């Protein structure tokens, strides 16, 4: 199974968890979309790290430094997501559900690129393909 497919599967599972929290907060607890998004992504950061470290990238790096980089990448990805969300809902008057989905796509692209080339760069990729050094 290739790395991109594993990333998508892990991301799908994490998305189900995260969006259950986001939409539960929005529609059951009546929290704002912004607070709901923050809670969903906060919990998703922890579950995402476990899934991506163990399944997507098969990392063998030290957990502390790697988790710090993962949190940083998730923070950057979250900021991109939140900017999209706020602009779509408040500046463009998009539906909150459609806005969440569009914002998630932006998050996904940034997250994959940064995780693949910054956080887990010594994971399965370097085990499968020989170094060019």
N, C-alpha and C. Protein backbone atom coordinates (compact mmCIF):
# COMPACT_ATOMS: atom_id res chain seq x y z
N UNK A 1 0.85 -1.17 0.00
CA UNK A 1 0.00 0.00 0.00
C UNK A 1 0.90 1.24 0.00
N UNK A 2 0.69 2.17 -0.93
CA UNK A 2 1.62 3.30 -0.99
C UNK A 2 1.30 4.38 0.05
N UNK A 3 2.25 5.25 0.26
CA UNK A 3 2.19 6.24 1.32
C UNK A 3 1.01 7.20 1.15
N UNK A 4 0.75 7.63 -0.05
CA UNK A 4 -0.36 8.57 -0.26
C UNK A 4 -1.68 7.90 0.10
N UNK A 5 -1.86 6.65 -0.28
CA UNK A 5 -3.08 5.93 0.06
C UNK A 5 -3.21 5.79 1.57
N UNK A 6 -2.12 5.43 2.25
CA UNK A 6 -2.15 5.31 3.71
C UNK A 6 -2.45 6.65 4.36
N UNK A 7 -1.90 7.73 3.80
CA UNK A 7 -2.18 9.08 4.32
C UNK A 7 -3.67 9.39 4.17
N UNK A 8 -4.25 9.03 3.04
CA UNK A 8 -5.68 9.28 2.80
C UNK A 8 -6.54 8.46 3.76
N UNK A 9 -6.20 7.19 3.95
CA UNK A 9 -6.98 6.35 4.87
C UNK A 9 -6.88 6.89 6.30
N UNK A 10 -5.67 7.21 6.74
CA UNK A 10 -5.49 7.77 8.08
C UNK A 10 -6.23 9.10 8.20
N UNK A 11 -6.08 9.92 7.17
CA UNK A 11 -6.76 11.21 7.18
C UNK A 11 -8.27 11.07 7.19
N UNK A 12 -8.78 10.06 6.47
CA UNK A 12 -10.22 9.83 6.46
C UNK A 12 -10.71 9.47 7.85
N UNK A 13 -10.02 8.53 8.51
CA UNK A 13 -10.41 8.15 9.86
C UNK A 13 -10.34 9.33 10.81
N UNK A 14 -9.26 10.08 10.70
CA UNK A 14 -9.10 11.25 11.56
C UNK A 14 -10.15 12.32 11.25
N UNK A 15 -10.50 12.44 9.98
CA UNK A 15 -11.52 13.41 9.58
C UNK A 15 -12.89 13.03 10.14
N UNK A 16 -13.21 11.75 10.11
CA UNK A 16 -14.48 11.30 10.68
C UNK A 16 -14.54 11.68 12.16
N UNK A 17 -13.46 11.42 12.87
CA UNK A 17 -13.41 11.78 14.29
C UNK A 17 -13.51 13.30 14.46
N UNK A 18 -12.67 14.03 13.75
CA UNK A 18 -12.64 15.49 13.88
C UNK A 18 -13.95 16.15 13.50
N UNK A 19 -14.53 15.74 12.37
CA UNK A 19 -15.78 16.36 11.94
C UNK A 19 -16.97 15.93 12.79
N UNK A 20 -16.90 14.76 13.41
CA UNK A 20 -17.94 14.39 14.37
C UNK A 20 -17.92 15.36 15.54
N UNK A 21 -16.71 15.70 15.96
CA UNK A 21 -16.57 16.67 17.05
C UNK A 21 -17.01 18.05 16.58
N UNK A 22 -16.54 18.48 15.42
CA UNK A 22 -16.89 19.81 14.91
C UNK A 22 -18.40 19.97 14.75
N UNK A 23 -19.04 19.05 14.04
CA UNK A 23 -20.46 19.20 13.79
C UNK A 23 -21.29 18.91 15.03
N UNK A 24 -20.80 18.02 15.90
CA UNK A 24 -21.48 17.82 17.19
C UNK A 24 -21.47 19.08 18.02
N UNK A 25 -20.32 19.75 18.05
CA UNK A 25 -20.23 21.01 18.79
C UNK A 25 -21.12 22.09 18.17
N UNK A 26 -21.14 22.15 16.84
CA UNK A 26 -21.94 23.18 16.16
C UNK A 26 -23.44 22.94 16.33
N UNK A 27 -23.88 21.71 16.14
CA UNK A 27 -25.32 21.45 16.06
C UNK A 27 -25.93 20.86 17.32
N UNK A 28 -25.15 20.21 18.16
CA UNK A 28 -25.69 19.69 19.42
C UNK A 28 -25.47 20.69 20.55
N UNK A 29 -24.23 21.19 20.64
CA UNK A 29 -23.89 22.11 21.73
C UNK A 29 -24.04 23.58 21.36
N UNK A 30 -24.32 23.84 20.07
CA UNK A 30 -24.57 25.20 19.57
C UNK A 30 -23.36 26.13 19.73
N UNK A 31 -22.16 25.55 19.64
CA UNK A 31 -20.95 26.36 19.65
C UNK A 31 -20.80 27.04 18.29
N UNK A 32 -20.01 28.09 18.26
CA UNK A 32 -19.75 28.79 16.99
C UNK A 32 -18.94 27.88 16.08
N UNK A 33 -19.01 28.11 14.74
CA UNK A 33 -18.18 27.31 13.83
C UNK A 33 -16.68 27.41 14.16
N UNK A 34 -16.25 28.60 14.58
CA UNK A 34 -14.83 28.79 14.88
C UNK A 34 -14.39 27.98 16.10
N UNK A 35 -15.18 28.03 17.19
CA UNK A 35 -14.85 27.26 18.40
C UNK A 35 -14.94 25.76 18.11
N UNK A 36 -15.97 25.36 17.40
CA UNK A 36 -16.14 23.95 17.04
C UNK A 36 -14.96 23.46 16.22
N UNK A 37 -14.52 24.27 15.28
CA UNK A 37 -13.38 23.94 14.43
C UNK A 37 -12.11 23.79 15.27
N UNK A 38 -11.91 24.70 16.20
CA UNK A 38 -10.74 24.66 17.06
C UNK A 38 -10.72 23.38 17.90
N UNK A 39 -11.85 23.03 18.49
CA UNK A 39 -11.92 21.81 19.30
C UNK A 39 -11.69 20.56 18.45
N UNK A 40 -12.32 20.51 17.29
CA UNK A 40 -12.16 19.36 16.41
C UNK A 40 -10.73 19.18 15.95
N UNK A 41 -10.08 20.27 15.59
CA UNK A 41 -8.70 20.17 15.12
C UNK A 41 -7.73 19.91 16.26
N UNK A 42 -8.04 20.39 17.44
CA UNK A 42 -7.18 20.11 18.59
C UNK A 42 -7.13 18.62 18.90
N UNK A 43 -8.29 18.01 18.97
CA UNK A 43 -8.37 16.57 19.23
C UNK A 43 -7.82 15.80 18.02
N UNK A 44 -8.12 16.28 16.82
CA UNK A 44 -7.63 15.64 15.61
C UNK A 44 -6.11 15.65 15.50
N UNK A 45 -5.46 16.65 16.07
CA UNK A 45 -4.00 16.70 16.05
C UNK A 45 -3.41 15.49 16.77
N UNK A 46 -3.97 15.16 17.91
CA UNK A 46 -3.45 14.02 18.67
C UNK A 46 -3.73 12.70 17.97
N UNK A 47 -4.96 12.49 17.53
CA UNK A 47 -5.28 11.24 16.85
C UNK A 47 -4.55 11.15 15.50
N UNK A 48 -4.42 12.28 14.83
CA UNK A 48 -3.72 12.30 13.55
C UNK A 48 -2.26 11.92 13.67
N UNK A 49 -1.62 12.40 14.72
CA UNK A 49 -0.21 12.07 14.92
C UNK A 49 -0.04 10.56 15.08
N UNK A 50 -0.87 9.96 15.90
CA UNK A 50 -0.77 8.52 16.14
C UNK A 50 -0.99 7.75 14.83
N UNK A 51 -2.02 8.11 14.10
CA UNK A 51 -2.32 7.42 12.84
C UNK A 51 -1.22 7.61 11.81
N UNK A 52 -0.77 8.85 11.63
CA UNK A 52 0.24 9.12 10.59
C UNK A 52 1.60 8.56 10.96
N UNK A 53 1.97 8.65 12.22
CA UNK A 53 3.27 8.12 12.63
C UNK A 53 3.33 6.61 12.41
N UNK A 54 2.28 5.92 12.82
CA UNK A 54 2.30 4.46 12.81
C UNK A 54 1.84 3.84 11.51
N UNK A 55 0.89 4.46 10.82
CA UNK A 55 0.32 3.83 9.63
C UNK A 55 0.74 4.53 8.34
N UNK A 56 0.60 5.84 8.28
CA UNK A 56 0.88 6.55 7.02
C UNK A 56 2.35 6.54 6.65
N UNK A 57 3.20 6.91 7.62
CA UNK A 57 4.60 7.12 7.31
C UNK A 57 5.53 6.11 7.98
N UNK A 58 5.03 5.31 8.92
CA UNK A 58 5.85 4.30 9.58
C UNK A 58 7.13 4.87 10.15
N UNK A 59 7.02 5.95 10.86
CA UNK A 59 8.19 6.67 11.34
C UNK A 59 8.92 5.92 12.45
N UNK A 60 10.24 6.07 12.46
CA UNK A 60 11.05 5.53 13.55
C UNK A 60 11.87 6.64 14.21
N UNK A 61 11.46 7.88 14.02
CA UNK A 61 12.15 9.01 14.62
C UNK A 61 11.78 9.13 16.09
N UNK A 62 12.52 9.96 16.83
CA UNK A 62 12.20 10.22 18.23
C UNK A 62 10.85 10.95 18.30
N UNK A 63 9.99 10.45 19.16
CA UNK A 63 8.62 10.96 19.23
C UNK A 63 8.53 12.42 19.65
N UNK A 64 9.35 12.85 20.58
CA UNK A 64 9.21 14.21 21.11
C UNK A 64 9.46 15.25 20.02
N UNK A 65 10.58 15.17 19.34
CA UNK A 65 10.88 16.14 18.28
C UNK A 65 9.92 16.03 17.12
N UNK A 66 9.56 14.81 16.80
CA UNK A 66 8.63 14.58 15.69
C UNK A 66 7.25 15.13 16.03
N UNK A 67 6.77 14.89 17.25
CA UNK A 67 5.46 15.40 17.66
C UNK A 67 5.46 16.93 17.65
N UNK A 68 6.55 17.53 18.07
CA UNK A 68 6.66 19.00 18.05
C UNK A 68 6.52 19.52 16.62
N UNK A 69 7.22 18.89 15.68
CA UNK A 69 7.10 19.29 14.27
C UNK A 69 5.68 19.04 13.76
N UNK A 70 5.08 17.91 14.16
CA UNK A 70 3.72 17.59 13.74
C UNK A 70 2.73 18.64 14.24
N UNK A 71 2.87 19.04 15.49
CA UNK A 71 1.99 20.08 16.05
C UNK A 71 2.18 21.38 15.29
N UNK A 72 3.42 21.73 14.98
CA UNK A 72 3.71 22.95 14.22
C UNK A 72 3.04 22.89 12.84
N UNK A 73 3.19 21.77 12.16
CA UNK A 73 2.57 21.60 10.84
C UNK A 73 1.05 21.68 10.94
N UNK A 74 0.50 21.06 11.97
CA UNK A 74 -0.95 21.12 12.14
C UNK A 74 -1.41 22.53 12.47
N UNK A 75 -0.59 23.27 13.20
CA UNK A 75 -0.93 24.66 13.50
C UNK A 75 -0.95 25.49 12.22
N UNK A 76 0.06 25.34 11.39
CA UNK A 76 0.10 26.07 10.11
C UNK A 76 -1.07 25.66 9.23
N UNK A 77 -1.32 24.36 9.14
CA UNK A 77 -2.43 23.86 8.33
C UNK A 77 -3.76 24.36 8.89
N UNK A 78 -3.87 24.38 10.21
CA UNK A 78 -5.08 24.88 10.87
C UNK A 78 -5.29 26.37 10.57
N UNK A 79 -4.21 27.15 10.60
CA UNK A 79 -4.34 28.58 10.28
C UNK A 79 -4.86 28.79 8.87
N UNK A 80 -4.34 28.02 7.93
CA UNK A 80 -4.83 28.09 6.55
C UNK A 80 -6.30 27.72 6.52
N UNK A 81 -6.65 26.64 7.21
CA UNK A 81 -8.03 26.19 7.29
C UNK A 81 -8.93 27.28 7.87
N UNK A 82 -8.51 27.88 8.97
CA UNK A 82 -9.32 28.88 9.66
C UNK A 82 -9.49 30.14 8.81
N UNK A 83 -8.45 30.53 8.11
CA UNK A 83 -8.56 31.70 7.22
C UNK A 83 -9.61 31.43 6.14
N UNK A 84 -9.53 30.24 5.52
CA UNK A 84 -10.54 29.88 4.53
C UNK A 84 -11.93 29.90 5.15
N UNK A 85 -12.07 29.30 6.34
CA UNK A 85 -13.38 29.20 7.00
C UNK A 85 -13.97 30.58 7.29
N UNK A 86 -13.18 31.44 7.89
CA UNK A 86 -13.67 32.77 8.25
C UNK A 86 -14.02 33.59 7.01
N UNK A 87 -13.17 33.55 6.00
CA UNK A 87 -13.45 34.29 4.77
C UNK A 87 -14.70 33.76 4.09
N UNK A 88 -14.81 32.45 3.98
CA UNK A 88 -15.96 31.87 3.30
C UNK A 88 -17.28 32.18 4.03
N UNK A 89 -17.27 32.04 5.35
CA UNK A 89 -18.51 32.26 6.11
C UNK A 89 -18.82 33.75 6.26
N UNK A 90 -17.84 34.54 6.68
CA UNK A 90 -18.11 35.93 7.06
C UNK A 90 -17.96 36.94 5.92
N UNK A 91 -17.06 36.68 5.00
CA UNK A 91 -16.87 37.64 3.90
C UNK A 91 -17.66 37.26 2.66
N UNK A 92 -17.86 35.95 2.47
CA UNK A 92 -18.52 35.51 1.24
C UNK A 92 -19.90 34.90 1.50
N UNK A 93 -20.29 34.81 2.78
CA UNK A 93 -21.61 34.29 3.18
C UNK A 93 -21.91 32.89 2.68
N UNK A 94 -20.88 32.04 2.65
CA UNK A 94 -21.08 30.64 2.26
C UNK A 94 -21.77 29.89 3.41
N UNK A 95 -22.41 28.80 3.07
CA UNK A 95 -23.00 27.89 4.04
C UNK A 95 -21.89 27.33 4.93
N UNK A 96 -22.10 27.25 6.26
CA UNK A 96 -21.05 26.74 7.16
C UNK A 96 -20.57 25.33 6.83
N UNK A 97 -21.46 24.45 6.39
CA UNK A 97 -21.03 23.08 6.06
C UNK A 97 -20.16 23.08 4.81
N UNK A 98 -20.57 23.80 3.79
CA UNK A 98 -19.76 23.90 2.56
C UNK A 98 -18.42 24.57 2.89
N UNK A 99 -18.46 25.57 3.73
CA UNK A 99 -17.23 26.28 4.13
C UNK A 99 -16.28 25.34 4.85
N UNK A 100 -16.82 24.48 5.74
CA UNK A 100 -15.97 23.52 6.45
C UNK A 100 -15.30 22.56 5.46
N UNK A 101 -16.04 22.13 4.47
CA UNK A 101 -15.49 21.17 3.49
C UNK A 101 -14.40 21.81 2.64
N UNK A 102 -14.65 23.01 2.15
CA UNK A 102 -13.64 23.72 1.34
C UNK A 102 -12.39 23.99 2.18
N UNK A 103 -12.60 24.41 3.41
CA UNK A 103 -11.47 24.69 4.31
C UNK A 103 -10.67 23.43 4.59
N UNK A 104 -11.36 22.30 4.69
CA UNK A 104 -10.70 21.03 4.94
C UNK A 104 -9.79 20.65 3.77
N UNK A 105 -10.22 20.92 2.54
CA UNK A 105 -9.39 20.60 1.37
C UNK A 105 -8.08 21.39 1.42
N UNK A 106 -8.17 22.67 1.77
CA UNK A 106 -6.96 23.49 1.90
C UNK A 106 -6.05 22.91 2.99
N UNK A 107 -6.65 22.53 4.11
CA UNK A 107 -5.90 21.93 5.21
C UNK A 107 -5.21 20.64 4.75
N UNK A 108 -5.92 19.81 4.04
CA UNK A 108 -5.40 18.52 3.59
C UNK A 108 -4.17 18.68 2.71
N UNK A 109 -4.23 19.58 1.76
CA UNK A 109 -3.10 19.79 0.85
C UNK A 109 -1.87 20.27 1.59
N UNK A 110 -2.03 21.28 2.43
CA UNK A 110 -0.90 21.82 3.20
C UNK A 110 -0.35 20.75 4.15
N UNK A 111 -1.25 20.05 4.82
CA UNK A 111 -0.86 19.04 5.79
C UNK A 111 -0.05 17.91 5.15
N UNK A 112 -0.52 17.39 4.02
CA UNK A 112 0.22 16.30 3.39
C UNK A 112 1.62 16.75 2.99
N UNK A 113 1.70 17.87 2.32
CA UNK A 113 3.01 18.33 1.84
C UNK A 113 3.99 18.55 2.99
N UNK A 114 3.54 19.22 4.04
CA UNK A 114 4.44 19.51 5.16
C UNK A 114 4.78 18.25 5.97
N UNK A 115 3.80 17.37 6.14
CA UNK A 115 4.10 16.12 6.86
C UNK A 115 5.06 15.25 6.07
N UNK A 116 4.83 15.15 4.78
CA UNK A 116 5.67 14.29 3.95
C UNK A 116 7.10 14.81 3.84
N UNK A 117 7.27 16.10 3.69
CA UNK A 117 8.61 16.64 3.43
C UNK A 117 9.29 17.27 4.64
N UNK A 118 8.59 17.38 5.77
CA UNK A 118 9.19 18.01 6.93
C UNK A 118 9.11 17.12 8.18
N UNK A 119 7.94 16.64 8.53
CA UNK A 119 7.77 15.89 9.77
C UNK A 119 8.28 14.46 9.66
N UNK A 120 7.77 13.73 8.68
CA UNK A 120 8.06 12.30 8.58
C UNK A 120 9.01 11.98 7.43
N UNK A 121 9.87 12.89 7.09
CA UNK A 121 10.73 12.72 5.92
C UNK A 121 11.66 11.52 6.03
N UNK A 122 11.89 11.00 7.22
CA UNK A 122 12.76 9.84 7.38
C UNK A 122 11.96 8.57 7.63
N UNK A 123 10.68 8.59 7.31
CA UNK A 123 9.82 7.43 7.54
C UNK A 123 9.93 6.41 6.43
N UNK A 124 8.83 5.87 5.99
CA UNK A 124 8.81 4.80 4.99
C UNK A 124 9.46 5.20 3.68
N UNK A 125 9.36 6.45 3.31
CA UNK A 125 9.92 6.90 2.04
C UNK A 125 11.40 6.55 1.95
N UNK A 126 12.14 6.83 3.03
CA UNK A 126 13.58 6.55 2.99
C UNK A 126 13.88 5.08 3.18
N UNK A 127 12.94 4.31 3.73
CA UNK A 127 13.15 2.87 3.87
C UNK A 127 12.90 2.14 2.55
N UNK A 128 11.98 2.64 1.76
CA UNK A 128 11.59 1.97 0.52
C UNK A 128 12.54 2.34 -0.62
N UNK A 129 12.80 3.63 -0.74
CA UNK A 129 13.65 4.10 -1.84
C UNK A 129 15.05 4.35 -1.32
N UNK A 130 16.07 3.90 -2.00
CA UNK A 130 17.44 4.12 -1.55
C UNK A 130 17.80 5.60 -1.65
N UNK A 131 18.68 6.00 -0.80
CA UNK A 131 19.16 7.37 -0.80
C UNK A 131 19.97 7.63 -2.06
N UNK A 132 19.91 8.88 -2.53
CA UNK A 132 20.68 9.25 -3.72
C UNK A 132 22.06 9.76 -3.34
N UNK A 133 22.42 9.68 -2.07
CA UNK A 133 23.73 10.17 -1.61
C UNK A 133 24.83 9.21 -1.96
